[in-house]
Every structure is written in structure tokens, then in C-alpha cells.
Protein backbone atom coordinates (compact mmCIF):
# COMPACT_ATOMS: atom_id res chain seq x y z
CA MET A 1 178.43 64.37 115.31
CA VAL A 2 174.67 64.22 115.77
CA CYS A 3 172.56 63.31 112.76
CA GLY A 4 169.21 64.99 112.23
CA ASP A 5 167.27 61.78 112.84
CA ASP A 6 169.16 61.23 116.12
CA VAL A 7 167.52 64.30 117.68
CA ASP A 8 164.04 62.87 117.10
CA TYR A 9 165.12 59.38 118.20
CA PHE A 10 166.59 60.57 121.50
CA TYR A 11 163.63 62.79 122.27
CA ASP A 12 161.04 60.13 121.35
CA ASN A 13 162.77 57.31 123.27
CA TYR A 14 164.49 59.03 126.17
CA ASN A 15 162.67 62.36 126.41
CA VAL A 16 166.04 64.15 126.24
CA LEU A 17 167.79 66.06 123.52
CA PRO A 18 171.44 65.53 122.55
CA ASP A 19 174.02 68.20 123.24
CA PHE A 20 173.19 71.12 120.93
CA ASP A 21 176.82 72.25 120.86
CA ALA A 22 177.47 69.21 118.66
CA ASP A 23 177.63 69.47 114.87
CA VAL A 24 174.36 68.40 113.26
CA ASN A 25 174.45 66.65 109.89
CA THR A 26 171.10 66.00 108.23
CA ASN A 27 172.62 63.90 105.43
CA CYS A 28 173.31 60.81 107.55
CA ILE A 29 172.72 57.32 106.25
CA PHE A 30 171.47 54.65 108.64
CA LYS A 31 170.14 51.18 108.24
CA SER A 32 166.45 51.77 108.72
CA GLU A 33 165.97 48.57 110.72
CA SER A 34 168.10 50.01 113.53
CA PHE A 35 165.60 52.79 114.15
CA ASN A 36 162.47 50.84 113.21
CA PHE A 37 163.25 47.92 115.53
CA GLY A 38 161.90 49.70 118.60
CA LYS A 39 158.87 51.15 116.85
CA GLU A 40 157.74 47.69 115.73
CA ILE A 41 157.76 46.12 119.19
CA ASN A 42 155.15 46.48 121.89
CA LEU A 43 155.15 44.72 125.27
CA PHE A 44 151.70 44.33 126.79
CA PRO A 45 149.92 44.45 129.12
CA ASN A 46 152.05 46.90 131.01
CA PRO A 47 151.59 46.81 133.97
CA THR A 48 151.32 43.02 133.96
CA THR A 49 150.41 40.42 136.54
CA GLY A 50 152.57 37.70 135.01
CA ILE A 51 152.44 37.00 131.29
CA LEU A 52 153.97 39.73 129.11
CA ASN A 53 153.11 39.55 125.40
CA ILE A 54 155.54 40.59 122.65
CA SER A 55 153.86 42.08 119.58
CA LYS A 56 156.73 41.12 117.24
CA GLU A 57 158.11 37.65 117.60
CA ARG A 58 160.12 37.50 114.34
CA GLY A 59 163.55 39.06 114.41
CA ILE A 60 164.03 38.88 118.18
CA GLN A 61 166.93 36.62 119.08
CA LYS A 62 167.14 37.13 122.84
CA VAL A 63 164.98 38.53 125.65
CA GLU A 64 166.47 39.43 129.02
CA VAL A 65 164.77 40.82 132.13
CA PHE A 66 166.77 42.93 134.59
CA SER A 67 166.05 44.33 138.04
CA LEU A 68 166.53 48.03 138.78
CA THR A 69 169.98 47.18 140.16
CA GLY A 70 170.99 45.56 136.84
CA GLU A 71 170.77 41.95 137.97
CA GLN A 72 169.75 39.63 135.15
CA LEU A 73 166.69 37.69 136.30
CA ILE A 74 165.49 36.02 133.10
CA GLN A 75 167.16 35.16 129.80
CA GLN A 76 165.37 33.44 126.93
CA LYS A 77 166.58 32.92 123.38
CA GLY A 78 164.55 32.46 120.25
CA ASN A 79 161.48 33.97 118.68
CA LEU A 80 159.17 34.43 121.65
CA LYS A 81 155.57 35.64 121.80
CA THR A 82 155.37 35.78 125.61
CA ILE A 83 157.56 36.08 128.70
CA ASP A 84 156.39 34.62 132.01
CA LEU A 85 157.14 37.06 134.82
CA GLY A 86 154.98 35.21 137.34
CA ALA A 87 157.94 34.27 139.56
CA LEU A 88 159.06 37.89 139.93
CA GLN A 89 158.02 40.09 142.83
CA HIS A 90 155.95 43.22 142.29
CA GLY A 91 158.09 46.06 140.98
CA ILE A 92 159.74 47.77 138.03
CA TYR A 93 161.93 45.82 135.60
CA PHE A 94 163.74 46.39 132.33
CA VAL A 95 163.27 44.08 129.37
CA GLU A 96 166.11 44.03 126.85
CA LEU A 97 165.24 42.67 123.40
CA THR A 98 168.03 41.82 120.96
CA GLY A 99 167.27 41.73 117.24
CA GLU A 100 168.75 39.56 114.51
CA ASN A 101 171.29 42.23 113.57
CA GLY A 102 172.36 42.82 117.19
CA THR A 103 170.18 45.89 117.66
CA LYS A 104 169.06 46.19 121.28
CA LEU A 105 165.97 47.78 122.73
CA ILE A 106 165.25 48.28 126.42
CA LYS A 107 161.72 48.81 127.70
CA LYS A 108 160.52 49.45 131.24
CA ILE A 109 157.76 47.21 132.56
CA ILE A 110 155.80 47.10 135.79
CA LYS A 111 154.87 43.82 137.50
CA ASN A 112 151.78 44.04 139.74
């Protein structure tokens, strides 16, 4: 079942729409922090030359950086304001942020 808010979430975050053959229920109840987690976080500058700033340091329990092949390159735990990507080569990476309640958010970053 696809909830009404899911359609907007998938389109806003993945630029795709869920299968429209699915039943749509607009009376779904979600914990709001699950959907607000990603809207409250900004990684900048992107592209970056090394230091990547995190706009929301509270509530983030773990930050991981992955290559395009899925290899974990960096893992840091705790409330962080920055991630040092200086040791990484130029390219595209994925940053996975894990919130206090286990909610995960993945953002694409570019290292120049």
C-alpha cells in the first residue's frame, strides 16, 4: 500500500513515482521525524574540495561515506559538524547519515 505522503516523498527525493497500480491510502500515520530528517539536513559545499559541512549536527548518530561501488571509505560516529574528505580522490560519493531513531538518509556528493 502506498500512502499519499509517500508519492510526494519518492518524487521529491528520487524523482520517481511509486507504482500507480498500488492502492493509495491518504489516511496514513507516520512519525513526522522520519520524513523531516532528510529535509533538515544539508551537506555543503557540494561539490567540495575536502571539508564537507553538515547543517544539522544534533540527532545524527553515524556518518558513512561510500564509493560508487558500495565500498565503505569513511565511518564516523557522534554528532558531527564536518566530514574531512581530503584523503579521497576526485569523484562521486554517497554519504549515509543515520539519525537517533535509526532513520537513514543518503546524499550524493562530488569531491573536486
